[in-house]
Protein backbone atom coordinates (compact mmCIF):
# COMPACT_ATOMS: atom_id res chain seq x y z
CA MET A 1 189.65 6.33 71.67
CA PRO A 2 187.36 7.05 68.74
CA GLY A 3 187.84 3.52 67.42
CA LYS A 4 186.19 1.89 70.42
CA LYS A 5 183.20 4.26 70.29
CA ALA A 6 182.77 3.66 66.57
CA ASP A 7 183.03 -0.10 67.14
CA LYS A 8 180.37 0.05 69.86
CA ASP A 9 178.07 2.12 67.63
CA ALA A 10 178.57 -0.38 64.80
CA ASP A 11 177.89 -3.30 67.18
CA ASN A 12 174.70 -1.61 68.44
CA LEU A 13 173.51 -0.97 64.88
CA ALA A 14 174.25 -4.57 63.91
CA ALA A 15 172.28 -5.81 66.95
CA VAL A 16 169.28 -3.67 65.96
CA LEU A 17 169.41 -4.80 62.34
CA GLU A 18 169.60 -8.42 63.50
CA LYS A 19 166.76 -8.00 66.00
CA ILE A 20 164.27 -6.42 63.59
CA PRO A 21 163.77 -9.55 61.42
CA GLN A 22 163.58 -11.70 64.56
CA MET A 23 160.98 -9.46 66.19
CA PHE A 24 158.97 -8.50 63.11
CA GLY A 25 158.92 -11.93 61.42
CA GLU A 26 156.96 -11.79 58.17
CA GLU A 27 156.82 -8.01 58.49
CA ALA A 28 160.60 -7.64 58.70
CA ASP A 29 160.64 -5.39 55.61
CA THR A 30 158.24 -3.02 57.35
CA GLY A 31 160.36 -3.06 60.51
CA LEU A 32 163.48 -2.27 58.49
CA ARG A 33 161.58 0.51 56.70
CA LEU A 34 160.60 1.99 60.09
CA HIS A 35 164.26 1.88 61.08
CA ASP A 36 165.22 3.69 57.87
CA ILE A 37 162.52 6.36 58.34
CA ILE A 38 163.74 7.06 61.87
CA MET A 39 167.39 7.23 60.84
CA ASP A 40 166.65 9.40 57.78
CA ALA A 41 164.57 11.81 59.89
CA ALA A 42 167.23 12.07 62.63
CA PRO A 43 170.56 10.77 61.29
CA LYS A 44 172.44 11.61 64.48
CA LEU A 45 170.43 9.11 66.52
CA LYS A 46 172.30 6.06 67.80
CA PRO A 47 170.31 2.81 67.48
CA ARG A 48 170.64 0.19 70.21
CA LEU A 49 168.59 -2.56 71.79
CA TRP A 50 166.44 -1.20 74.60
CA TYR A 51 164.52 -3.72 76.70
CA GLY A 52 164.98 -6.15 73.82
CA MET A 53 163.53 -3.83 71.15
CA PRO A 54 165.11 -1.38 68.73
CA GLY A 55 165.56 1.99 70.43
CA TYR A 56 167.06 5.24 69.21
CA ALA A 57 168.89 7.82 71.36
CA ARG A 58 171.08 10.88 70.86
CA GLY A 59 174.07 8.99 72.26
CA ARG A 60 175.10 5.53 73.38
CA SER A 61 174.66 6.40 77.04
CA THR A 62 171.71 8.80 76.77
CA PRO A 63 168.05 7.88 77.17
CA VAL A 64 166.18 6.26 74.30
CA LEU A 65 163.75 8.71 72.67
CA VAL A 66 162.10 6.57 69.97
CA PHE A 67 161.43 2.84 69.78
CA ILE A 68 159.78 0.26 67.54
CA ARG A 69 158.44 -3.18 68.35
CA ARG A 70 156.15 -5.91 67.10
CA ASP A 71 153.54 -7.67 69.19
CA ASP A 72 150.00 -8.01 67.86
CA TYR A 73 150.58 -4.78 65.93
CA LEU A 74 153.60 -2.82 64.77
CA THR A 75 154.30 -0.20 67.40
CA PHE A 76 156.11 3.09 66.92
CA GLY A 77 156.57 5.03 70.13
CA LEU A 78 158.28 7.79 72.06
CA THR A 79 159.62 7.59 75.57
CA GLU A 80 159.06 10.17 78.30
CA LYS A 81 162.56 11.49 77.52
CA ALA A 82 161.54 12.59 74.01
CA ASN A 83 160.59 16.16 73.21
CA LEU A 84 156.86 15.52 73.64
CA HIS A 85 154.29 17.94 72.31
CA ILE A 86 151.78 18.86 74.98
CA ASP A 87 148.52 19.95 73.41
CA GLU A 88 146.88 22.19 76.00
CA ASN A 89 143.49 21.56 74.33
CA ALA A 90 143.71 17.76 74.42
CA PRO A 91 141.08 16.01 76.51
CA GLY A 92 142.53 15.03 79.86
CA MET A 93 145.84 16.73 79.00
CA MET A 94 147.00 13.45 77.46
CA ILE A 95 150.25 13.34 75.49
CA PRO A 96 150.32 11.06 72.44
CA ASN A 97 153.40 8.85 72.56
CA ALA A 98 152.69 5.53 70.82
CA TRP A 99 150.95 4.43 67.66
CA PHE A 100 149.88 1.01 66.41
CA LEU A 101 150.51 0.67 62.69
CA THR A 102 148.64 -1.59 60.31
CA GLY A 103 150.91 -0.70 57.42
CA LEU A 104 153.02 2.00 55.86
CA ASP A 105 152.28 4.32 52.98
CA ALA A 106 153.85 7.61 51.91
CA ALA A 107 151.58 9.69 54.17
CA ILE A 108 152.23 7.56 57.27
CA GLU A 109 155.96 7.52 56.55
CA ALA A 110 155.98 11.34 56.30
CA GLN A 111 154.02 11.61 59.55
CA ILE A 112 156.43 9.26 61.36
CA ALA A 113 159.41 11.23 60.07
CA GLU A 114 157.89 14.50 61.32
CA ILE A 115 157.14 12.97 64.74
CA VAL A 116 160.76 11.73 64.96
CA ARG A 117 162.15 15.15 64.01
CA GLU A 118 160.01 16.88 66.65
CA ALA A 119 160.63 14.24 69.32
CA THR A 120 164.39 14.35 68.89
CA ALA A 121 164.79 18.11 68.51
CA VAL A 122 167.03 19.65 71.11
CA VAL A 123 165.03 22.23 73.00
CA SER A 124 165.80 24.22 76.07
CA LYS A 125 164.33 22.71 79.19
CA PRO A 126 161.09 24.39 80.36
CA PRO A 127 161.18 25.99 83.79
CA ASP A 128 160.63 23.64 86.69
CA ARG A 129 156.94 23.43 87.55
CA LYS A 130 156.88 22.97 91.28
CA ARG A 131 153.66 22.22 93.06
CA GLN A 132 152.40 24.99 95.22
């Protein structure tokens, strides 16, 4: 039933495109630009509403990997299901997964696109790290 899946994908996309102006208000153009950057960087992602905000996953029933939202700041973030880069030299072994944005320019757009490509890359699962 490819028609039903395509319809659901189209409905999900329409819901995201409707939600962005509602959520982002005066910064709706920036929210739509974030959506475009994400989709251009990883065209196979499926947008859908996730906890009331635009989220992007590999499939309709797979976990959201990337999300955007608007509160006091524009937020671009990754979920724990994304391919997160663990920097072994980072203080406290912290993993960056969300950024507050005060605007977009070419450099920030390129950085967001690279983060999306890395976060959504399919990688083999690392071996299970069991506590000893």
